[in-house]
Amino acid sequence: MGLRAMEGKRAIIEQNRRAAERVFGDSLRDVHPMSPHIWIQLPPGVDAQRVTDRARQRGIEIAPASSFAPGGSSLRNALRLSIGPTRDAVRLEAALRTVASLIAEPRHGMTVVA
């Protein structure tokens, strides 16, 4: 990969990380600044799988941290989001805000069966 291409990827990741920081603030876990993934620590009582399911219903692909647990060990209740591949900062930030709203209100968008 050429230097120009690497610099372009770095710029995209930096731009996307700033969007994630605006949306999630202190919920972001420590990750290398050039990582194309972020980890969101969920508050107590918010289930990572439920948030993941609700996000997927809205076309947002995320994963619970448990999907990346070696040997089935459980990780803390967290989410993993990929922020590297998109150049559309507006669309990314909108998706991140949707995930943030699902975390803040985990029952948001649930279908009620009467």
N, C-alpha and C. Protein backbone atom coordinates (compact mmCIF):
# COMPACT_ATOMS: atom_id res chain seq x y z
N MET A 1 0.85 -1.17 0.00
CA MET A 1 0.00 0.00 0.00
C MET A 1 0.89 1.23 0.00
N GLY A 2 0.57 2.18 -0.85
CA GLY A 2 1.37 3.39 -0.96
C GLY A 2 1.15 4.33 0.21
N LEU A 3 2.09 5.22 0.38
CA LEU A 3 2.04 6.19 1.47
C LEU A 3 0.79 7.06 1.38
N ARG A 4 0.44 7.48 0.19
CA ARG A 4 -0.75 8.33 0.01
C ARG A 4 -2.02 7.59 0.43
N ALA A 5 -2.11 6.32 0.07
CA ALA A 5 -3.28 5.52 0.44
C ALA A 5 -3.36 5.34 1.95
N MET A 6 -2.21 5.10 2.59
CA MET A 6 -2.20 4.95 4.05
C MET A 6 -2.60 6.25 4.73
N GLU A 7 -2.10 7.36 4.23
CA GLU A 7 -2.47 8.66 4.81
C GLU A 7 -3.96 8.91 4.65
N GLY A 8 -4.52 8.51 3.52
CA GLY A 8 -5.96 8.66 3.30
C GLY A 8 -6.77 7.84 4.28
N LYS A 9 -6.34 6.60 4.52
CA LYS A 9 -7.04 5.74 5.49
C LYS A 9 -6.93 6.31 6.89
N ARG A 10 -5.77 6.81 7.24
CA ARG A 10 -5.59 7.42 8.57
C ARG A 10 -6.52 8.61 8.75
N ALA A 11 -6.63 9.44 7.72
CA ALA A 11 -7.49 10.61 7.80
C ALA A 11 -8.95 10.21 8.00
N ILE A 12 -9.39 9.17 7.30
CA ILE A 12 -10.77 8.68 7.45
C ILE A 12 -11.00 8.16 8.86
N ILE A 13 -10.07 7.36 9.36
CA ILE A 13 -10.22 6.81 10.71
C ILE A 13 -10.23 7.93 11.74
N GLU A 14 -9.36 8.92 11.60
CA GLU A 14 -9.34 10.05 12.54
C GLU A 14 -10.67 10.80 12.50
N GLN A 15 -11.17 11.06 11.32
CA GLN A 15 -12.45 11.76 11.16
C GLN A 15 -13.57 10.96 11.82
N ASN A 16 -13.60 9.66 11.58
CA ASN A 16 -14.64 8.81 12.13
C ASN A 16 -14.52 8.66 13.63
N ARG A 17 -13.29 8.63 14.14
CA ARG A 17 -13.08 8.54 15.59
C ARG A 17 -13.59 9.82 16.26
N ARG A 18 -13.37 10.98 15.65
CA ARG A 18 -13.88 12.23 16.23
C ARG A 18 -15.41 12.19 16.29
N ALA A 19 -16.05 11.64 15.26
CA ALA A 19 -17.51 11.50 15.28
C ALA A 19 -17.93 10.60 16.44
N ALA A 20 -17.23 9.49 16.62
CA ALA A 20 -17.55 8.56 17.72
C ALA A 20 -17.35 9.23 19.08
N GLU A 21 -16.30 10.02 19.20
CA GLU A 21 -16.05 10.73 20.47
C GLU A 21 -17.14 11.75 20.75
N ARG A 22 -17.63 12.43 19.71
CA ARG A 22 -18.73 13.39 19.90
C ARG A 22 -19.98 12.67 20.40
N VAL A 23 -20.24 11.50 19.85
CA VAL A 23 -21.46 10.78 20.19
C VAL A 23 -21.34 10.04 21.52
N PHE A 24 -20.24 9.34 21.76
CA PHE A 24 -20.15 8.44 22.91
C PHE A 24 -19.31 8.96 24.07
N GLY A 25 -18.46 9.93 23.85
CA GLY A 25 -17.68 10.52 24.92
C GLY A 25 -16.96 9.49 25.78
N ASP A 26 -17.24 9.52 27.08
CA ASP A 26 -16.55 8.67 28.04
C ASP A 26 -16.90 7.19 27.95
N SER A 27 -17.91 6.84 27.18
CA SER A 27 -18.28 5.43 27.03
C SER A 27 -17.29 4.67 26.16
N LEU A 28 -16.48 5.40 25.38
CA LEU A 28 -15.48 4.74 24.54
C LEU A 28 -14.42 4.13 25.43
N ARG A 29 -14.07 2.90 25.14
CA ARG A 29 -13.00 2.24 25.87
C ARG A 29 -11.69 2.58 25.21
N ASP A 30 -10.61 2.45 25.95
CA ASP A 30 -9.28 2.75 25.41
C ASP A 30 -8.95 1.82 24.25
N VAL A 31 -8.75 2.42 23.10
CA VAL A 31 -8.38 1.70 21.89
C VAL A 31 -7.34 2.53 21.18
N HIS A 32 -6.46 1.88 20.48
CA HIS A 32 -5.43 2.60 19.74
C HIS A 32 -6.10 3.63 18.82
N PRO A 33 -5.57 4.85 18.76
CA PRO A 33 -6.21 5.91 17.96
C PRO A 33 -6.35 5.59 16.47
N MET A 34 -5.57 4.66 15.95
CA MET A 34 -5.68 4.33 14.54
C MET A 34 -6.44 3.02 14.29
N SER A 35 -7.06 2.50 15.32
CA SER A 35 -7.85 1.29 15.14
C SER A 35 -9.12 1.62 14.38
N PRO A 36 -9.51 0.77 13.43
CA PRO A 36 -10.76 1.00 12.70
C PRO A 36 -12.00 0.52 13.47
N HIS A 37 -11.80 0.15 14.73
CA HIS A 37 -12.91 -0.33 15.56
C HIS A 37 -12.94 0.45 16.87
N ILE A 38 -14.14 0.63 17.41
CA ILE A 38 -14.28 1.22 18.73
C ILE A 38 -15.06 0.26 19.61
N TRP A 39 -14.84 0.38 20.89
CA TRP A 39 -15.53 -0.44 21.88
C TRP A 39 -16.31 0.50 22.79
N ILE A 40 -17.59 0.20 22.97
CA ILE A 40 -18.47 1.01 23.80
C ILE A 40 -18.83 0.21 25.04
N GLN A 41 -18.45 0.72 26.20
CA GLN A 41 -18.83 0.09 27.46
C GLN A 41 -20.27 0.47 27.77
N LEU A 42 -21.13 -0.52 27.97
CA LEU A 42 -22.53 -0.26 28.24
C LEU A 42 -22.79 -0.07 29.73
N PRO A 43 -23.76 0.75 30.05
CA PRO A 43 -24.10 0.94 31.47
C PRO A 43 -24.77 -0.31 32.03
N PRO A 44 -24.73 -0.47 33.35
CA PRO A 44 -25.40 -1.62 33.97
C PRO A 44 -26.88 -1.67 33.56
N GLY A 45 -27.35 -2.86 33.31
CA GLY A 45 -28.75 -3.06 32.95
C GLY A 45 -29.04 -2.98 31.46
N VAL A 46 -28.06 -2.59 30.65
CA VAL A 46 -28.24 -2.54 29.21
C VAL A 46 -27.56 -3.76 28.61
N ASP A 47 -28.33 -4.57 27.91
CA ASP A 47 -27.83 -5.82 27.36
C ASP A 47 -27.25 -5.62 25.96
N ALA A 48 -26.00 -6.01 25.77
CA ALA A 48 -25.30 -5.82 24.50
C ALA A 48 -26.02 -6.53 23.36
N GLN A 49 -26.49 -7.73 23.58
CA GLN A 49 -27.16 -8.47 22.50
C GLN A 49 -28.46 -7.79 22.10
N ARG A 50 -29.19 -7.28 23.05
CA ARG A 50 -30.45 -6.59 22.74
C ARG A 50 -30.19 -5.32 21.92
N VAL A 51 -29.18 -4.55 22.31
CA VAL A 51 -28.83 -3.35 21.55
C VAL A 51 -28.39 -3.74 20.14
N THR A 52 -27.59 -4.81 20.04
CA THR A 52 -27.14 -5.30 18.73
C THR A 52 -28.33 -5.68 17.86
N ASP A 53 -29.27 -6.41 18.42
CA ASP A 53 -30.46 -6.81 17.66
C ASP A 53 -31.27 -5.61 17.19
N ARG A 54 -31.46 -4.62 18.06
CA ARG A 54 -32.23 -3.43 17.70
C ARG A 54 -31.50 -2.63 16.60
N ALA A 55 -30.18 -2.55 16.70
CA ALA A 55 -29.40 -1.82 15.69
C ALA A 55 -29.51 -2.53 14.33
N ARG A 56 -29.42 -3.85 14.34
CA ARG A 56 -29.52 -4.60 13.09
C ARG A 56 -30.88 -4.43 12.43
N GLN A 57 -31.93 -4.29 13.23
CA GLN A 57 -33.26 -4.04 12.68
C GLN A 57 -33.31 -2.71 11.93
N ARG A 58 -32.37 -1.83 12.24
CA ARG A 58 -32.29 -0.52 11.59
C ARG A 58 -31.20 -0.48 10.52
N GLY A 59 -30.63 -1.65 10.19
CA GLY A 59 -29.62 -1.72 9.16
C GLY A 59 -28.22 -1.34 9.62
N ILE A 60 -28.00 -1.32 10.91
CA ILE A 60 -26.70 -0.97 11.47
C ILE A 60 -26.06 -2.24 12.02
N GLU A 61 -24.97 -2.65 11.42
CA GLU A 61 -24.30 -3.88 11.83
C GLU A 61 -23.25 -3.58 12.90
N ILE A 62 -23.51 -4.07 14.09
CA ILE A 62 -22.56 -3.98 15.20
C ILE A 62 -22.48 -5.37 15.82
N ALA A 63 -21.63 -5.52 16.81
CA ALA A 63 -21.49 -6.83 17.44
C ALA A 63 -21.30 -6.66 18.95
N PRO A 64 -21.87 -7.58 19.71
CA PRO A 64 -21.60 -7.55 21.15
C PRO A 64 -20.16 -8.00 21.38
N ALA A 65 -19.54 -7.48 22.41
CA ALA A 65 -18.15 -7.83 22.72
C ALA A 65 -17.99 -9.33 22.92
N SER A 66 -19.03 -10.00 23.38
CA SER A 66 -18.94 -11.43 23.63
C SER A 66 -18.62 -12.21 22.35
N SER A 67 -18.92 -11.65 21.18
CA SER A 67 -18.60 -12.31 19.91
C SER A 67 -17.10 -12.45 19.70
N PHE A 68 -16.33 -11.65 20.42
CA PHE A 68 -14.88 -11.64 20.26
C PHE A 68 -14.16 -12.23 21.46
N ALA A 69 -14.92 -12.85 22.36
CA ALA A 69 -14.33 -13.44 23.57
C ALA A 69 -13.65 -14.75 23.24
N PRO A 70 -12.38 -14.87 23.52
CA PRO A 70 -11.68 -16.13 23.24
C PRO A 70 -12.18 -17.26 24.13
N GLY A 71 -12.39 -18.40 23.53
CA GLY A 71 -12.76 -19.59 24.30
C GLY A 71 -14.05 -19.46 25.06
N GLY A 72 -14.94 -18.59 24.64
CA GLY A 72 -16.23 -18.46 25.30
C GLY A 72 -16.18 -17.68 26.59
N SER A 73 -15.02 -17.12 26.96
CA SER A 73 -14.98 -16.32 28.18
C SER A 73 -15.85 -15.09 27.97
N SER A 74 -16.39 -14.58 29.03
CA SER A 74 -17.28 -13.42 28.87
C SER A 74 -16.51 -12.13 29.05
N LEU A 75 -16.74 -11.23 28.13
CA LEU A 75 -16.18 -9.89 28.25
C LEU A 75 -17.19 -9.02 28.97
N ARG A 76 -16.73 -7.89 29.43
CA ARG A 76 -17.68 -6.95 30.02
C ARG A 76 -18.75 -6.59 29.01
N ASN A 77 -19.85 -6.14 29.49
CA ASN A 77 -20.98 -5.79 28.65
C ASN A 77 -20.61 -4.59 27.77
N ALA A 78 -20.28 -4.86 26.52
CA ALA A 78 -19.79 -3.83 25.62
C ALA A 78 -20.20 -4.16 24.19
N LEU A 79 -19.99 -3.17 23.30
CA LEU A 79 -20.25 -3.34 21.87
C LEU A 79 -18.99 -3.03 21.09
N ARG A 80 -18.86 -3.64 19.93
CA ARG A 80 -17.75 -3.35 19.02
C ARG A 80 -18.36 -2.78 17.74
N LEU A 81 -17.88 -1.61 17.34
CA LEU A 81 -18.36 -0.96 16.13
C LEU A 81 -17.18 -0.70 15.21
N SER A 82 -17.36 -0.96 13.94
CA SER A 82 -16.33 -0.69 12.96
C SER A 82 -16.55 0.71 12.41
N ILE A 83 -15.52 1.56 12.51
CA ILE A 83 -15.65 2.94 12.04
C ILE A 83 -14.71 3.23 10.87
N GLY A 84 -13.94 2.25 10.45
CA GLY A 84 -12.91 2.50 9.44
C GLY A 84 -13.35 2.55 8.01
N PRO A 85 -14.30 1.73 7.58
CA PRO A 85 -14.50 1.60 6.13
C PRO A 85 -15.30 2.70 5.45
N THR A 86 -15.98 3.55 6.19
CA THR A 86 -16.85 4.52 5.53
C THR A 86 -16.21 5.89 5.39
N ARG A 87 -16.45 6.49 4.24
CA ARG A 87 -15.99 7.86 3.99
C ARG A 87 -17.13 8.85 4.21
N ASP A 88 -18.33 8.35 4.43
CA ASP A 88 -19.51 9.20 4.60
C ASP A 88 -19.68 9.53 6.08
N ALA A 89 -19.05 10.61 6.52
CA ALA A 89 -19.04 10.99 7.93
C ALA A 89 -20.43 11.31 8.45
N VAL A 90 -21.27 11.90 7.64
CA VAL A 90 -22.62 12.26 8.07
C VAL A 90 -23.43 11.00 8.33
N ARG A 91 -23.35 10.05 7.43
CA ARG A 91 -24.08 8.79 7.60
C ARG A 91 -23.56 8.00 8.81
N LEU A 92 -22.23 7.98 8.98
CA LEU A 92 -21.65 7.28 10.13
C LEU A 92 -22.13 7.91 11.42
N GLU A 93 -22.06 9.22 11.51
CA GLU A 93 -22.48 9.88 12.76
C GLU A 93 -23.95 9.64 13.04
N ALA A 94 -24.79 9.62 12.02
CA ALA A 94 -26.21 9.32 12.21
C ALA A 94 -26.39 7.91 12.76
N ALA A 95 -25.65 6.94 12.22
CA ALA A 95 -25.73 5.56 12.72
C ALA A 95 -25.24 5.48 14.16
N LEU A 96 -24.16 6.18 14.47
CA LEU A 96 -23.64 6.18 15.84
C LEU A 96 -24.65 6.79 16.80
N ARG A 97 -25.33 7.84 16.37
CA ARG A 97 -26.35 8.46 17.22
C ARG A 97 -27.54 7.51 17.43
N THR A 98 -27.87 6.74 16.41
CA THR A 98 -28.93 5.74 16.57
C THR A 98 -28.52 4.70 17.61
N VAL A 99 -27.29 4.21 17.53
CA VAL A 99 -26.80 3.24 18.51
C VAL A 99 -26.82 3.86 19.90
N ALA A 100 -26.38 5.10 20.02
CA ALA A 100 -26.38 5.79 21.31
C ALA A 100 -27.79 5.88 21.88
N SER A 101 -28.78 6.15 21.01
CA SER A 101 -30.16 6.23 21.50
C SER A 101 -30.67 4.86 21.95
N LEU A 102 -30.23 3.81 21.28
CA LEU A 102 -30.62 2.46 21.69
C LEU A 102 -30.00 2.08 23.02
N ILE A 103 -28.81 2.59 23.27
CA ILE A 103 -28.16 2.34 24.56
C ILE A 103 -28.88 3.12 25.66
N ALA A 104 -29.19 4.38 25.37
CA ALA A 104 -29.86 5.23 26.35
C ALA A 104 -31.27 4.74 26.67
N GLU A 105 -31.93 4.21 25.66
CA GLU A 105 -33.29 3.70 25.81
C GLU A 105 -33.35 2.33 25.16
N PRO A 106 -32.85 1.28 25.86
CA PRO A 106 -32.72 -0.04 25.23
C PRO A 106 -34.06 -0.65 24.80
N ARG A 107 -35.15 -0.18 25.30
CA ARG A 107 -36.46 -0.73 24.91
C ARG A 107 -37.01 -0.01 23.69
N HIS A 108 -36.34 1.07 23.26
CA HIS A 108 -36.77 1.86 22.10
C HIS A 108 -36.89 0.96 20.86
N GLY A 109 -38.02 1.01 20.24
CA GLY A 109 -38.22 0.27 19.00
C GLY A 109 -38.62 -1.18 19.19
N MET A 110 -38.85 -1.60 20.43
CA MET A 110 -39.26 -2.98 20.64
C MET A 110 -40.73 -3.13 20.24
N THR A 111 -41.04 -4.25 19.67
CA THR A 111 -42.42 -4.55 19.31
C THR A 111 -43.13 -5.10 20.52
N VAL A 112 -44.28 -4.53 20.82
CA VAL A 112 -45.07 -4.98 21.97
C VAL A 112 -46.15 -5.92 21.43
N VAL A 113 -46.21 -7.10 22.03
CA VAL A 113 -47.23 -8.07 21.64
C VAL A 113 -48.29 -8.06 22.71
N ALA A 114 -49.54 -7.76 22.32
CA ALA A 114 -50.63 -7.66 23.29
C ALA A 114 -51.45 -8.92 23.29
